[in-house]
Amino acid sequence: MKTITTLIAAVTIALVAGNCLAADAQRGKLLFESPTFGGGTSGKSCLTCHEHGRDFSPETLSRKAYTIMDNPVATLGGVINFCIEVALRGEAIPENSEDMQDLIAYLSLLIKENSEKPE
């Protein structure tokens, strides 16, 4: 009986964790498509420049440094904030914020989905 209870608890935890991750990526997708993300005022969204994951590769999530519009940027969060400030004409968000984590969760799925498509 103890084994069955443990198994049920483990499955429940896995399902809840999976739903939380999916919800985060789902919210990240909404942020990615929102022209008001980061207080954006340009009418653009992340989707405007990155439709179908354009300019993203599997290495996007793991690089140690980035260059965006000829500017060196240290982190993916920094790249995202650069885009928010320049393209969306909004204000940077904290790199450890829920919005940033949700957006990165969505980017991970978007990149994976697009890297698996045959060219």
N, C-alpha and C. Protein backbone atom coordinates (compact mmCIF):
# COMPACT_ATOMS: atom_id res chain seq x y z
N MET A 1 0.82 -1.20 0.00
CA MET A 1 0.00 0.00 0.00
C MET A 1 0.86 1.26 0.00
N LYS A 2 1.98 1.22 0.76
CA LYS A 2 2.85 2.38 0.83
C LYS A 2 3.46 2.68 -0.54
N THR A 3 3.78 1.65 -1.31
CA THR A 3 4.35 1.83 -2.65
C THR A 3 3.35 2.50 -3.58
N ILE A 4 2.10 2.08 -3.51
CA ILE A 4 1.05 2.67 -4.36
C ILE A 4 0.84 4.14 -3.99
N THR A 5 0.81 4.43 -2.70
CA THR A 5 0.63 5.81 -2.25
C THR A 5 1.79 6.69 -2.72
N THR A 6 3.01 6.16 -2.61
CA THR A 6 4.18 6.90 -3.06
C THR A 6 4.13 7.13 -4.57
N LEU A 7 3.73 6.11 -5.31
CA LEU A 7 3.62 6.23 -6.76
C LEU A 7 2.57 7.27 -7.15
N ILE A 8 1.43 7.23 -6.49
CA ILE A 8 0.37 8.21 -6.77
C ILE A 8 0.86 9.62 -6.46
N ALA A 9 1.56 9.80 -5.34
CA ALA A 9 2.09 11.11 -4.97
C ALA A 9 3.10 11.59 -6.02
N ALA A 10 3.98 10.70 -6.48
CA ALA A 10 4.99 11.07 -7.47
C ALA A 10 4.34 11.49 -8.79
N VAL A 11 3.34 10.75 -9.22
CA VAL A 11 2.64 11.07 -10.47
C VAL A 11 1.92 12.41 -10.33
N THR A 12 1.29 12.64 -9.20
CA THR A 12 0.59 13.90 -8.96
C THR A 12 1.56 15.08 -9.01
N ILE A 13 2.71 14.93 -8.36
CA ILE A 13 3.72 16.00 -8.37
C ILE A 13 4.20 16.26 -9.78
N ALA A 14 4.45 15.19 -10.54
CA ALA A 14 4.91 15.35 -11.92
C ALA A 14 3.87 16.06 -12.78
N LEU A 15 2.61 15.71 -12.60
CA LEU A 15 1.55 16.36 -13.37
C LEU A 15 1.41 17.83 -13.00
N VAL A 16 1.47 18.13 -11.72
CA VAL A 16 1.35 19.53 -11.28
C VAL A 16 2.54 20.32 -11.79
N ALA A 17 3.74 19.77 -11.68
CA ALA A 17 4.93 20.48 -12.17
C ALA A 17 4.84 20.70 -13.67
N GLY A 18 4.39 19.70 -14.40
CA GLY A 18 4.23 19.83 -15.85
C GLY A 18 3.24 20.91 -16.21
N ASN A 19 2.14 20.97 -15.47
CA ASN A 19 1.14 22.00 -15.74
C ASN A 19 1.67 23.39 -15.43
N CYS A 20 2.47 23.52 -14.39
CA CYS A 20 3.06 24.83 -14.05
C CYS A 20 4.00 25.28 -15.16
N LEU A 21 4.84 24.36 -15.66
CA LEU A 21 5.76 24.71 -16.72
C LEU A 21 5.01 25.10 -17.99
N ALA A 22 3.98 24.34 -18.32
CA ALA A 22 3.21 24.64 -19.51
C ALA A 22 2.52 26.00 -19.37
N ALA A 23 2.00 26.26 -18.18
CA ALA A 23 1.33 27.54 -17.95
C ALA A 23 2.32 28.69 -18.09
N ASP A 24 3.55 28.50 -17.59
CA ASP A 24 4.57 29.55 -17.69
C ASP A 24 4.90 29.82 -19.16
N ALA A 25 5.11 28.78 -19.94
CA ALA A 25 5.43 28.95 -21.36
C ALA A 25 4.23 29.56 -22.09
N GLN A 26 3.06 29.16 -21.70
CA GLN A 26 1.84 29.72 -22.31
C GLN A 26 1.76 31.22 -22.05
N ARG A 27 2.06 31.61 -20.82
CA ARG A 27 2.06 33.04 -20.48
C ARG A 27 3.19 33.75 -21.22
N GLY A 28 4.33 33.07 -21.34
CA GLY A 28 5.45 33.64 -22.09
C GLY A 28 5.08 33.90 -23.53
N LYS A 29 4.28 33.01 -24.12
CA LYS A 29 3.81 33.21 -25.50
C LYS A 29 2.96 34.47 -25.59
N LEU A 30 2.11 34.69 -24.61
CA LEU A 30 1.28 35.89 -24.60
C LEU A 30 2.15 37.15 -24.49
N LEU A 31 3.19 37.08 -23.66
CA LEU A 31 4.10 38.22 -23.53
C LEU A 31 4.84 38.46 -24.85
N PHE A 32 5.30 37.38 -25.49
CA PHE A 32 6.02 37.44 -26.75
C PHE A 32 5.19 38.12 -27.84
N GLU A 33 3.89 37.92 -27.79
CA GLU A 33 2.98 38.46 -28.81
C GLU A 33 2.38 39.81 -28.42
N SER A 34 2.67 40.30 -27.21
CA SER A 34 2.04 41.52 -26.72
C SER A 34 2.81 42.78 -27.09
N PRO A 35 2.17 43.74 -27.76
CA PRO A 35 2.83 45.01 -28.07
C PRO A 35 2.99 45.91 -26.83
N THR A 36 2.42 45.52 -25.71
CA THR A 36 2.57 46.33 -24.49
C THR A 36 3.51 45.67 -23.48
N PHE A 37 4.16 44.57 -23.88
CA PHE A 37 5.12 43.90 -22.99
C PHE A 37 6.22 44.89 -22.60
N GLY A 38 6.55 44.93 -21.31
CA GLY A 38 7.57 45.86 -20.82
C GLY A 38 7.15 47.31 -20.95
N GLY A 39 5.85 47.55 -21.08
CA GLY A 39 5.38 48.92 -21.25
C GLY A 39 5.65 49.46 -22.65
N GLY A 40 5.79 48.53 -23.61
CA GLY A 40 6.09 48.92 -24.99
C GLY A 40 5.11 49.94 -25.54
N THR A 41 5.65 50.90 -26.31
CA THR A 41 4.82 51.96 -26.88
C THR A 41 4.95 52.06 -28.40
N SER A 42 5.75 51.17 -29.02
CA SER A 42 5.99 51.28 -30.47
C SER A 42 4.92 50.57 -31.30
N GLY A 43 4.09 49.77 -30.64
CA GLY A 43 3.11 48.98 -31.38
C GLY A 43 3.68 47.66 -31.85
N LYS A 44 4.97 47.42 -31.62
CA LYS A 44 5.61 46.16 -32.01
C LYS A 44 5.60 45.19 -30.84
N SER A 45 5.79 43.92 -31.16
CA SER A 45 5.95 42.89 -30.14
C SER A 45 7.20 42.09 -30.50
N CYS A 46 7.59 41.17 -29.66
CA CYS A 46 8.72 40.28 -29.98
C CYS A 46 8.43 39.55 -31.29
N LEU A 47 7.19 39.19 -31.48
CA LEU A 47 6.76 38.47 -32.68
C LEU A 47 7.02 39.26 -33.96
N THR A 48 6.99 40.57 -33.88
CA THR A 48 7.21 41.41 -35.05
C THR A 48 8.54 41.07 -35.73
N CYS A 49 9.58 40.94 -34.95
CA CYS A 49 10.92 40.66 -35.49
C CYS A 49 11.28 39.18 -35.50
N HIS A 50 10.62 38.39 -34.67
CA HIS A 50 11.02 37.00 -34.49
C HIS A 50 9.92 36.00 -34.83
N GLU A 51 9.15 36.32 -35.87
CA GLU A 51 8.08 35.41 -36.31
C GLU A 51 8.68 34.05 -36.64
N HIS A 52 8.02 32.99 -36.20
CA HIS A 52 8.47 31.61 -36.40
C HIS A 52 9.87 31.38 -35.82
N GLY A 53 10.24 32.14 -34.79
CA GLY A 53 11.54 31.96 -34.15
C GLY A 53 12.71 32.49 -34.95
N ARG A 54 12.44 33.37 -35.90
CA ARG A 54 13.50 33.95 -36.73
C ARG A 54 14.61 34.52 -35.85
N ASP A 55 15.84 34.25 -36.23
CA ASP A 55 17.06 34.70 -35.54
C ASP A 55 17.34 33.96 -34.23
N PHE A 56 16.58 32.92 -33.93
CA PHE A 56 16.87 32.09 -32.76
C PHE A 56 17.44 30.76 -33.22
N SER A 57 18.36 30.22 -32.44
CA SER A 57 18.91 28.90 -32.70
C SER A 57 18.98 28.17 -31.36
N PRO A 58 19.25 26.87 -31.38
CA PRO A 58 19.38 26.16 -30.10
C PRO A 58 20.42 26.79 -29.17
N GLU A 59 21.43 27.43 -29.73
CA GLU A 59 22.47 28.06 -28.91
C GLU A 59 21.99 29.36 -28.24
N THR A 60 20.88 29.89 -28.69
CA THR A 60 20.37 31.15 -28.13
C THR A 60 20.24 31.08 -26.61
N LEU A 61 19.82 29.95 -26.10
CA LEU A 61 19.57 29.82 -24.66
C LEU A 61 20.83 29.59 -23.84
N SER A 62 21.92 29.17 -24.48
CA SER A 62 23.09 28.77 -23.71
C SER A 62 24.35 29.60 -23.97
N ARG A 63 24.26 30.59 -24.80
CA ARG A 63 25.44 31.41 -25.09
C ARG A 63 25.97 32.08 -23.82
N LYS A 64 27.26 32.33 -23.83
CA LYS A 64 27.90 33.04 -22.70
C LYS A 64 27.91 34.55 -22.94
N ALA A 65 27.74 34.96 -24.20
CA ALA A 65 27.69 36.38 -24.55
C ALA A 65 26.92 36.53 -25.85
N TYR A 66 26.36 37.68 -26.06
CA TYR A 66 25.53 37.95 -27.23
C TYR A 66 25.97 39.27 -27.86
N THR A 67 25.62 39.42 -29.12
CA THR A 67 25.78 40.70 -29.81
C THR A 67 24.46 41.00 -30.47
N ILE A 68 23.91 42.16 -30.18
CA ILE A 68 22.64 42.56 -30.77
C ILE A 68 22.80 43.97 -31.31
N MET A 69 22.52 44.11 -32.60
CA MET A 69 22.69 45.39 -33.29
C MET A 69 24.08 45.97 -33.00
N ASP A 70 25.09 45.12 -33.13
CA ASP A 70 26.50 45.47 -32.91
C ASP A 70 26.83 45.87 -31.47
N ASN A 71 25.96 45.58 -30.53
CA ASN A 71 26.20 45.87 -29.12
C ASN A 71 26.44 44.58 -28.35
N PRO A 72 27.54 44.48 -27.59
CA PRO A 72 27.76 43.29 -26.78
C PRO A 72 26.79 43.27 -25.59
N VAL A 73 26.20 42.12 -25.34
CA VAL A 73 25.26 41.96 -24.23
C VAL A 73 25.64 40.66 -23.51
N ALA A 74 25.66 40.69 -22.19
CA ALA A 74 26.18 39.56 -21.42
C ALA A 74 25.20 38.40 -21.23
N THR A 75 23.89 38.68 -21.20
CA THR A 75 22.93 37.62 -20.87
C THR A 75 21.74 37.65 -21.83
N LEU A 76 21.02 36.54 -21.86
CA LEU A 76 19.80 36.49 -22.67
C LEU A 76 18.79 37.50 -22.13
N GLY A 77 18.71 37.62 -20.81
CA GLY A 77 17.83 38.64 -20.23
C GLY A 77 18.21 40.03 -20.68
N GLY A 78 19.50 40.28 -20.83
CA GLY A 78 19.97 41.56 -21.33
C GLY A 78 19.55 41.80 -22.76
N VAL A 79 19.60 40.73 -23.57
CA VAL A 79 19.14 40.82 -24.97
C VAL A 79 17.66 41.15 -25.01
N ILE A 80 16.89 40.44 -24.20
CA ILE A 80 15.44 40.67 -24.15
C ILE A 80 15.17 42.11 -23.73
N ASN A 81 15.87 42.59 -22.72
CA ASN A 81 15.67 43.98 -22.27
C ASN A 81 16.11 44.98 -23.33
N PHE A 82 17.17 44.68 -24.06
CA PHE A 82 17.59 45.55 -25.16
C PHE A 82 16.45 45.69 -26.17
N CYS A 83 15.84 44.56 -26.52
CA CYS A 83 14.72 44.58 -27.47
C CYS A 83 13.52 45.33 -26.91
N ILE A 84 13.23 45.12 -25.63
CA ILE A 84 12.11 45.84 -25.01
C ILE A 84 12.36 47.35 -25.10
N GLU A 85 13.57 47.77 -24.77
CA GLU A 85 13.87 49.20 -24.73
C GLU A 85 13.97 49.81 -26.14
N VAL A 86 14.59 49.10 -27.08
CA VAL A 86 14.84 49.67 -28.40
C VAL A 86 13.67 49.43 -29.36
N ALA A 87 13.31 48.18 -29.55
CA ALA A 87 12.26 47.86 -30.54
C ALA A 87 10.85 48.15 -30.03
N LEU A 88 10.59 47.77 -28.77
CA LEU A 88 9.25 47.97 -28.21
C LEU A 88 9.08 49.36 -27.60
N ARG A 89 10.20 50.06 -27.39
CA ARG A 89 10.21 51.36 -26.71
C ARG A 89 9.52 51.30 -25.36
N GLY A 90 9.93 50.27 -24.60
CA GLY A 90 9.40 50.09 -23.25
C GLY A 90 10.52 50.23 -22.24
N GLU A 91 10.31 49.63 -21.07
CA GLU A 91 11.29 49.70 -20.01
C GLU A 91 11.75 48.29 -19.65
N ALA A 92 13.04 48.15 -19.40
CA ALA A 92 13.62 46.86 -19.03
C ALA A 92 12.87 46.25 -17.85
N ILE A 93 12.82 44.93 -17.84
CA ILE A 93 12.20 44.21 -16.72
C ILE A 93 13.31 43.49 -15.96
N PRO A 94 13.11 43.23 -14.68
CA PRO A 94 14.13 42.52 -13.92
C PRO A 94 14.41 41.13 -14.53
N GLU A 95 15.70 40.79 -14.63
CA GLU A 95 16.06 39.52 -15.24
C GLU A 95 15.59 38.31 -14.44
N ASN A 96 15.31 38.50 -13.16
CA ASN A 96 14.83 37.39 -12.34
C ASN A 96 13.32 37.43 -12.14
N SER A 97 12.62 38.24 -12.93
CA SER A 97 11.17 38.40 -12.78
C SER A 97 10.41 37.22 -13.38
N GLU A 98 9.18 37.09 -12.97
CA GLU A 98 8.29 36.06 -13.51
C GLU A 98 8.09 36.27 -15.01
N ASP A 99 7.93 37.51 -15.45
CA ASP A 99 7.76 37.79 -16.87
C ASP A 99 8.96 37.28 -17.67
N MET A 100 10.17 37.55 -17.18
CA MET A 100 11.38 37.12 -17.89
C MET A 100 11.45 35.59 -17.93
N GLN A 101 11.17 34.95 -16.81
CA GLN A 101 11.24 33.49 -16.76
C GLN A 101 10.18 32.85 -17.66
N ASP A 102 8.99 33.43 -17.68
CA ASP A 102 7.93 32.91 -18.54
C ASP A 102 8.28 33.08 -20.02
N LEU A 103 8.84 34.23 -20.36
CA LEU A 103 9.23 34.47 -21.75
C LEU A 103 10.34 33.50 -22.17
N ILE A 104 11.32 33.29 -21.33
CA ILE A 104 12.40 32.37 -21.65
C ILE A 104 11.88 30.93 -21.75
N ALA A 105 10.91 30.56 -20.92
CA ALA A 105 10.30 29.23 -21.02
C ALA A 105 9.63 29.07 -22.39
N TYR A 106 8.95 30.11 -22.85
CA TYR A 106 8.33 30.06 -24.18
C TYR A 106 9.38 30.01 -25.28
N LEU A 107 10.43 30.81 -25.16
CA LEU A 107 11.50 30.80 -26.16
C LEU A 107 12.11 29.41 -26.29
N SER A 108 12.27 28.75 -25.17
CA SER A 108 12.81 27.39 -25.19
C SER A 108 11.94 26.46 -26.03
N LEU A 109 10.63 26.55 -25.84
CA LEU A 109 9.70 25.73 -26.63
C LEU A 109 9.70 26.14 -28.10
N LEU A 110 9.71 27.44 -28.36
CA LEU A 110 9.70 27.96 -29.73
C LEU A 110 10.95 27.51 -30.48
N ILE A 111 12.09 27.62 -29.83
CA ILE A 111 13.34 27.22 -30.46
C ILE A 111 13.35 25.72 -30.72
N LYS A 112 12.92 24.95 -29.75
CA LYS A 112 12.88 23.48 -29.91
C LYS A 112 11.96 23.11 -31.06
N GLU A 113 10.78 23.71 -31.10
CA GLU A 113 9.81 23.43 -32.15
C GLU A 113 10.38 23.75 -33.53
N ASN A 114 11.03 24.88 -33.66
CA ASN A 114 11.55 25.31 -34.96
C ASN A 114 12.83 24.58 -35.36
N SER A 115 13.59 24.09 -34.39
CA SER A 115 14.81 23.36 -34.74
C SER A 115 14.50 21.93 -35.17
N GLU A 116 13.31 21.45 -34.82
CA GLU A 116 12.92 20.10 -35.21
C GLU A 116 12.24 20.05 -36.57
N LYS A 117 11.87 21.20 -37.13
CA LYS A 117 11.20 21.24 -38.43
C LYS A 117 12.23 21.02 -39.54
N PRO A 118 11.90 20.17 -40.50
CA PRO A 118 12.82 20.01 -41.65
C PRO A 118 12.82 21.28 -42.49
N GLU A 119 13.98 21.59 -43.05
CA GLU A 119 14.07 22.82 -43.87
C GLU A 119 13.74 22.55 -45.31
